C-alpha atoms as a PDB file:
ATOM      1  CA  UNK A   1      54.229 115.959 202.649  1.00  0.00           C
ATOM      2  CA  UNK A   2      53.284 118.335 205.128  1.00  0.00           C
ATOM      3  CA  UNK A   3      50.964 120.646 204.609  1.00  0.00           C
ATOM      4  CA  UNK A   4      48.858 123.418 206.945  1.00  0.00           C
ATOM      5  CA  UNK A   5      45.398 124.588 205.997  1.00  0.00           C
ATOM      6  CA  UNK A   6      44.498 127.779 207.582  1.00  0.00           C
ATOM      7  CA  UNK A   7      40.941 129.260 206.737  1.00  0.00           C
ATOM      8  CA  UNK A   8      42.893 131.144 203.676  1.00  0.00           C
ATOM      9  CA  UNK A   9      46.055 130.088 203.030  1.00  0.00           C
ATOM     10  CA  UNK A  10      47.858 126.443 202.175  1.00  0.00           C
ATOM     11  CA  UNK A  11      51.497 126.347 203.632  1.00  0.00           C
ATOM     12  CA  UNK A  12      53.019 123.320 201.997  1.00  0.00           C
ATOM     13  CA  UNK A  13      56.769 122.675 200.758  1.00  0.00           C
ATOM     14  CA  UNK A  14      58.265 123.681 197.873  1.00  0.00           C
ATOM     15  CA  UNK A  15      57.602 123.040 193.805  1.00  0.00           C
ATOM     16  CA  UNK A  16      60.199 123.775 191.337  1.00  0.00           C
ATOM     17  CA  UNK A  17      57.628 126.220 189.432  1.00  0.00           C
ATOM     18  CA  UNK A  18      57.454 128.050 192.764  1.00  0.00           C
ATOM     19  CA  UNK A  19      60.956 129.668 192.240  1.00  0.00           C
ATOM     20  CA  UNK A  20      59.850 132.312 189.760  1.00  0.00           C
ATOM     21  CA  UNK A  21      57.085 133.730 191.851  1.00  0.00           C
ATOM     22  CA  UNK A  22      59.545 133.779 195.096  1.00  0.00           C
ATOM     23  CA  UNK A  23      62.005 135.432 193.150  1.00  0.00           C
ATOM     24  CA  UNK A  24      59.587 138.040 192.089  1.00  0.00           C
ATOM     25  CA  UNK A  25      58.898 138.713 195.714  1.00  0.00           C
ATOM     26  CA  UNK A  26      62.756 138.787 196.450  1.00  0.00           C
ATOM     27  CA  UNK A  27      63.056 141.175 193.981  1.00  0.00           C
ATOM     28  CA  UNK A  28      60.814 143.929 195.402  1.00  0.00           C
ATOM     29  CA  UNK A  29      62.951 146.371 197.464  1.00  0.00           C
ATOM     30  CA  UNK A  30      59.994 147.084 199.722  1.00  0.00           C
ATOM     31  CA  UNK A  31      59.891 143.490 200.920  1.00  0.00           C
ATOM     32  CA  UNK A  32      63.341 143.273 201.321  1.00  0.00           C
ATOM     33  CA  UNK A  33      64.402 146.640 203.141  1.00  0.00           C
ATOM     34  CA  UNK A  34      64.186 144.306 206.596  1.00  0.00           C
ATOM     35  CA  UNK A  35      65.824 141.086 205.394  1.00  0.00           C
ATOM     36  CA  UNK A  36      69.244 140.499 206.269  1.00  0.00           C
ATOM     37  CA  UNK A  37      71.351 143.640 204.771  1.00  0.00           C
ATOM     38  CA  UNK A  38      68.150 144.714 202.926  1.00  0.00           C
ATOM     39  CA  UNK A  39      69.156 144.105 199.534  1.00  0.00           C
ATOM     40  CA  UNK A  40      67.122 142.218 196.706  1.00  0.00           C
ATOM     41  CA  UNK A  41      67.826 138.995 195.784  1.00  0.00           C
ATOM     42  CA  UNK A  42      68.008 137.232 192.235  1.00  0.00           C
ATOM     43  CA  UNK A  43      66.158 134.191 190.801  1.00  0.00           C
ATOM     44  CA  UNK A  44      69.288 132.536 190.997  1.00  0.00           C
ATOM     45  CA  UNK A  45      69.806 133.173 195.080  1.00  0.00           C
ATOM     46  CA  UNK A  46      66.196 132.283 195.553  1.00  0.00           C
ATOM     47  CA  UNK A  47      66.565 129.126 193.472  1.00  0.00           C
ATOM     48  CA  UNK A  48      69.476 128.142 195.842  1.00  0.00           C
ATOM     49  CA  UNK A  49      67.755 129.435 199.425  1.00  0.00           C
ATOM     50  CA  UNK A  50      64.736 127.047 198.020  1.00  0.00           C
ATOM     51  CA  UNK A  51      66.716 124.101 197.554  1.00  0.00           C
ATOM     52  CA  UNK A  52      68.514 124.896 201.343  1.00  0.00           C
ATOM     53  CA  UNK A  53      65.089 124.803 202.942  1.00  0.00           C
ATOM     54  CA  UNK A  54      63.942 121.695 201.335  1.00  0.00           C
ATOM     55  CA  UNK A  55      67.049 120.298 202.632  1.00  0.00           C
ATOM     56  CA  UNK A  56      66.131 121.844 206.100  1.00  0.00           C
ATOM     57  CA  UNK A  57      62.861 119.887 205.950  1.00  0.00           C
ATOM     58  CA  UNK A  58      64.519 116.557 205.119  1.00  0.00           C
ATOM     59  CA  UNK A  59      67.249 117.236 207.512  1.00  0.00           C
ATOM     60  CA  UNK A  60      65.446 118.618 210.393  1.00  0.00           C
ATOM     61  CA  UNK A  61      61.687 117.633 209.849  1.00  0.00           C
ATOM     62  CA  UNK A  62      60.718 121.370 209.941  1.00  0.00           C
ATOM     63  CA  UNK A  63      61.251 124.321 207.517  1.00  0.00           C
ATOM     64  CA  UNK A  64      60.434 127.062 205.488  1.00  0.00           C
ATOM     65  CA  UNK A  65      56.771 126.658 203.834  1.00  0.00           C
ATOM     66  CA  UNK A  66      55.721 128.117 200.532  1.00  0.00           C
ATOM     67  CA  UNK A  67      52.355 130.078 201.205  1.00  0.00           C
ATOM     68  CA  UNK A  68      49.474 130.076 198.595  1.00  0.00           C
ATOM     69  CA  UNK A  69      46.209 131.430 198.902  1.00  0.00           C
ATOM     70  CA  UNK A  70      43.490 128.726 199.109  1.00  0.00           C
ATOM     71  CA  UNK A  71      41.127 129.964 196.933  1.00  0.00           C
ATOM     72  CA  UNK A  72      43.508 130.833 193.538  1.00  0.00           C
ATOM     73  CA  UNK A  73      46.431 128.661 194.370  1.00  0.00           C
ATOM     74  CA  UNK A  74      48.547 131.796 194.145  1.00  0.00           C
ATOM     75  CA  UNK A  75      52.181 131.955 195.726  1.00  0.00           C
ATOM     76  CA  UNK A  76      52.263 134.752 198.134  1.00  0.00           C
ATOM     77  CA  UNK A  77      55.557 134.174 200.015  1.00  0.00           C
ATOM     78  CA  UNK A  78      56.699 132.142 202.636  1.00  0.00           C
ATOM     79  CA  UNK A  79      56.923 131.536 206.499  1.00  0.00           C
ATOM     80  CA  UNK A  80      58.575 128.706 208.548  1.00  0.00           C
ATOM     81  CA  UNK A  81      61.102 127.735 210.912  1.00  0.00           C
ATOM     82  CA  UNK A  82      64.774 127.647 210.821  1.00  0.00           C
ATOM     83  CA  UNK A  83      67.944 127.417 212.845  1.00  0.00           C
ATOM     84  CA  UNK A  84      69.272 130.749 213.140  1.00  0.00           C
ATOM     85  CA  UNK A  85      72.226 130.401 210.735  1.00  0.00           C
ATOM     86  CA  UNK A  86      72.898 134.419 210.737  1.00  0.00           C
ATOM     87  CA  UNK A  87      72.812 134.699 214.482  1.00  0.00           C
ATOM     88  CA  UNK A  88      74.581 131.682 216.345  1.00  0.00           C
ATOM     89  CA  UNK A  89      73.646 133.290 219.917  1.00  0.00           C
ATOM     90  CA  UNK A  90      70.424 132.316 219.196  1.00  0.00           C
ATOM     91  CA  UNK A  91      71.426 128.498 219.199  1.00  0.00           C
ATOM     92  CA  UNK A  92      70.017 126.001 219.872  1.00  0.00           C
ATOM     93  CA  UNK A  93      66.502 128.041 219.457  1.00  0.00           C
ATOM     94  CA  UNK A  94      64.394 127.630 216.359  1.00  0.00           C
ATOM     95  CA  UNK A  95      63.501 130.957 214.624  1.00  0.00           C
ATOM     96  CA  UNK A  96      60.018 131.737 213.125  1.00  0.00           C
ATOM     97  CA  UNK A  97      60.154 134.084 210.107  1.00  0.00           C
ATOM     98  CA  UNK A  98      57.623 135.438 207.347  1.00  0.00           C
ATOM     99  CA  UNK A  99      57.859 137.088 204.011  1.00  0.00           C
ATOM    100  CA  UNK A 100      55.015 137.681 201.818  1.00  0.00           C
ATOM    101  CA  UNK A 101      54.689 139.876 198.609  1.00  0.00           C
ATOM    102  CA  UNK A 102      53.901 143.543 198.960  1.00  0.00           C
ATOM    103  CA  UNK A 103      50.555 143.424 197.509  1.00  0.00           C
ATOM    104  CA  UNK A 104      49.271 140.857 200.312  1.00  0.00           C
ATOM    105  CA  UNK A 105      50.255 143.189 203.436  1.00  0.00           C
ATOM    106  CA  UNK A 106      47.755 144.366 205.648  1.00  0.00           C
ATOM    107  CA  UNK A 107      45.283 141.832 205.185  1.00  0.00           C
ATOM    108  CA  UNK A 108      46.513 139.113 208.143  1.00  0.00           C
ATOM    109  CA  UNK A 109      48.314 136.965 205.990  1.00  0.00           C
ATOM    110  CA  UNK A 110      51.646 136.837 207.704  1.00  0.00           C
ATOM    111  CA  UNK A 111      49.764 136.829 211.105  1.00  0.00           C
ATOM    112  CA  UNK A 112      47.284 133.649 210.077  1.00  0.00           C
ATOM    113  CA  UNK A 113      50.294 131.891 208.518  1.00  0.00           C
ATOM    114  CA  UNK A 114      52.945 132.527 211.523  1.00  0.00           C
ATOM    115  CA  UNK A 115      50.291 131.407 213.942  1.00  0.00           C
ATOM    116  CA  UNK A 116      50.072 127.796 212.543  1.00  0.00           C
ATOM    117  CA  UNK A 117      53.636 127.983 212.003  1.00  0.00           C
ATOM    118  CA  UNK A 118      54.122 128.438 215.628  1.00  0.00           C
ATOM    119  CA  UNK A 119      51.071 125.960 216.507  1.00  0.00           C
ATOM    120  CA  UNK A 120      52.874 123.436 214.195  1.00  0.00           C
ATOM    121  CA  UNK A 121      56.511 124.066 216.314  1.00  0.00           C
ATOM    122  CA  UNK A 122      54.929 123.638 219.720  1.00  0.00           C
ATOM    123  CA  UNK A 123      52.424 121.185 219.372  1.00  0.00           C
ATOM    124  CA  UNK A 124      53.411 118.877 216.549  1.00  0.00           C
ATOM    125  CA  UNK A 125      57.085 119.260 216.172  1.00  0.00           C
ATOM    126  CA  UNK A 126      57.621 118.806 220.039  1.00  0.00           C
ATOM    127  CA  UNK A 127      59.647 122.296 220.298  1.00  0.00           C
ATOM    128  CA  UNK A 128      59.789 124.032 223.985  1.00  0.00           C
ATOM    129  CA  UNK A 129      60.701 127.396 222.414  1.00  0.00           C
ATOM    130  CA  UNK A 130      60.856 129.586 219.341  1.00  0.00           C
ATOM    131  CA  UNK A 131      62.461 133.003 218.809  1.00  0.00           C
ATOM    132  CA  UNK A 132      61.807 135.658 216.179  1.00  0.00           C
ATOM    133  CA  UNK A 133      64.789 137.743 215.355  1.00  0.00           C
ATOM    134  CA  UNK A 134      63.657 141.183 213.982  1.00  0.00           C
ATOM    135  CA  UNK A 135      65.306 144.181 212.751  1.00  0.00           C
ATOM    136  CA  UNK A 136      64.289 147.505 214.733  1.00  0.00           C
ATOM    137  CA  UNK A 137      62.249 149.362 212.684  1.00  0.00           C
ATOM    138  CA  UNK A 138      60.276 146.762 211.059  1.00  0.00           C
ATOM    139  CA  UNK A 139      56.639 147.985 212.786  1.00  0.00           C
ATOM    140  CA  UNK A 140      54.824 145.055 210.506  1.00  0.00           C
ATOM    141  CA  UNK A 141      56.652 142.135 212.112  1.00  0.00           C
ATOM    142  CA  UNK A 142      56.904 143.481 215.128  1.00  0.00           C
ATOM    143  CA  UNK A 143      53.149 143.553 215.025  1.00  0.00           C
ATOM    144  CA  UNK A 144      53.158 139.974 213.586  1.00  0.00           C
ATOM    145  CA  UNK A 145      55.213 138.767 216.597  1.00  0.00           C
ATOM    146  CA  UNK A 146      53.014 140.486 219.497  1.00  0.00           C
ATOM    147  CA  UNK A 147      49.804 139.076 217.856  1.00  0.00           C
ATOM    148  CA  UNK A 148      51.740 135.327 218.166  1.00  0.00           C
ATOM    149  CA  UNK A 149      52.133 135.965 221.914  1.00  0.00           C
ATOM    150  CA  UNK A 150      55.720 136.860 221.663  1.00  0.00           C
ATOM    151  CA  UNK A 151      57.638 138.754 223.933  1.00  0.00           C
ATOM    152  CA  UNK A 152      60.622 141.046 223.232  1.00  0.00           C
ATOM    153  CA  UNK A 153      63.709 139.302 225.447  1.00  0.00           C
ATOM    154  CA  UNK A 154      66.872 141.594 224.560  1.00  0.00           C
ATOM    155  CA  UNK A 155      68.561 143.466 221.659  1.00  0.00           C
ATOM    156  CA  UNK A 156      71.500 142.171 219.598  1.00  0.00           C
ATOM    157  CA  UNK A 157      73.051 143.229 216.591  1.00  0.00           C
ATOM    158  CA  UNK A 158      73.305 141.472 213.374  1.00  0.00           C
ATOM    159  CA  UNK A 159      77.054 139.582 213.506  1.00  0.00           C
ATOM    160  CA  UNK A 160      77.819 140.824 209.756  1.00  0.00           C
ATOM    161  CA  UNK A 161      76.004 143.806 209.306  1.00  0.00           C
ATOM    162  CA  UNK A 162      75.967 145.345 213.016  1.00  0.00           C
ATOM    163  CA  UNK A 163      72.163 146.863 212.580  1.00  0.00           C
ATOM    164  CA  UNK A 164      70.013 146.272 215.856  1.00  0.00           C
ATOM    165  CA  UNK A 165      67.771 143.671 215.944  1.00  0.00           C
ATOM    166  CA  UNK A 166      65.083 142.226 218.576  1.00  0.00           C
ATOM    167  CA  UNK A 167      64.772 138.901 219.839  1.00  0.00           C
ATOM    168  CA  UNK A 168      61.254 137.936 220.533  1.00  0.00           C
ATOM    169  CA  UNK A 169      60.372 134.440 222.058  1.00  0.00           C
ATOM    170  CA  UNK A 170      57.819 132.144 223.377  1.00  0.00           C
ATOM    171  CA  UNK A 171      57.932 128.950 225.078  1.00  0.00           C
ATOM    172  CA  UNK A 172      55.697 126.227 225.195  1.00  0.00           C
ATOM    173  CA  UNK A 173      54.291 127.051 228.835  1.00  0.00           C
ATOM    174  CA  UNK A 174      53.469 130.530 227.387  1.00  0.00           C
ATOM    175  CA  UNK A 175      52.065 129.008 224.406  1.00  0.00           C
ATOM    176  CA  UNK A 176      49.517 127.069 226.272  1.00  0.00           C
ATOM    177  CA  UNK A 177      48.653 129.567 228.695  1.00  0.00           C
END
């Protein structure tokens, strides 16, 4: 089982009892305002997403991690790697993403978890490049991408909802520098 420990977090595969906690995070409009079209996601859709994430782990050897606090074991969100489903122009690049419950914002958890995932992608899984596709205006995610050493590469628009996004990227040589 793939697990990553950071100083404060455990990144791990999903358990069935994680779904209600992730569904609560996905039901918060503050969390979801920058995700896809900004709509909240119900429990059934969350369960389907977790199932897809687990299948991606089995198929690709990477996926979206559940993120929990080491001290309490509390699920605080997710972070990980996926093929850019909504933006086929990014293929064959693998995208990194993160989503935390609002009560966990501003504490450095997203950066800590994403840094561990980026290291996992480039050193453990042998990827040569990782992108982050961030909706324009999402300053918090832009900040995380900068902390990861990712640089804005180009502007694009969401193929379905037509909102502007920025593609940030880092490759292995930039990461090792």
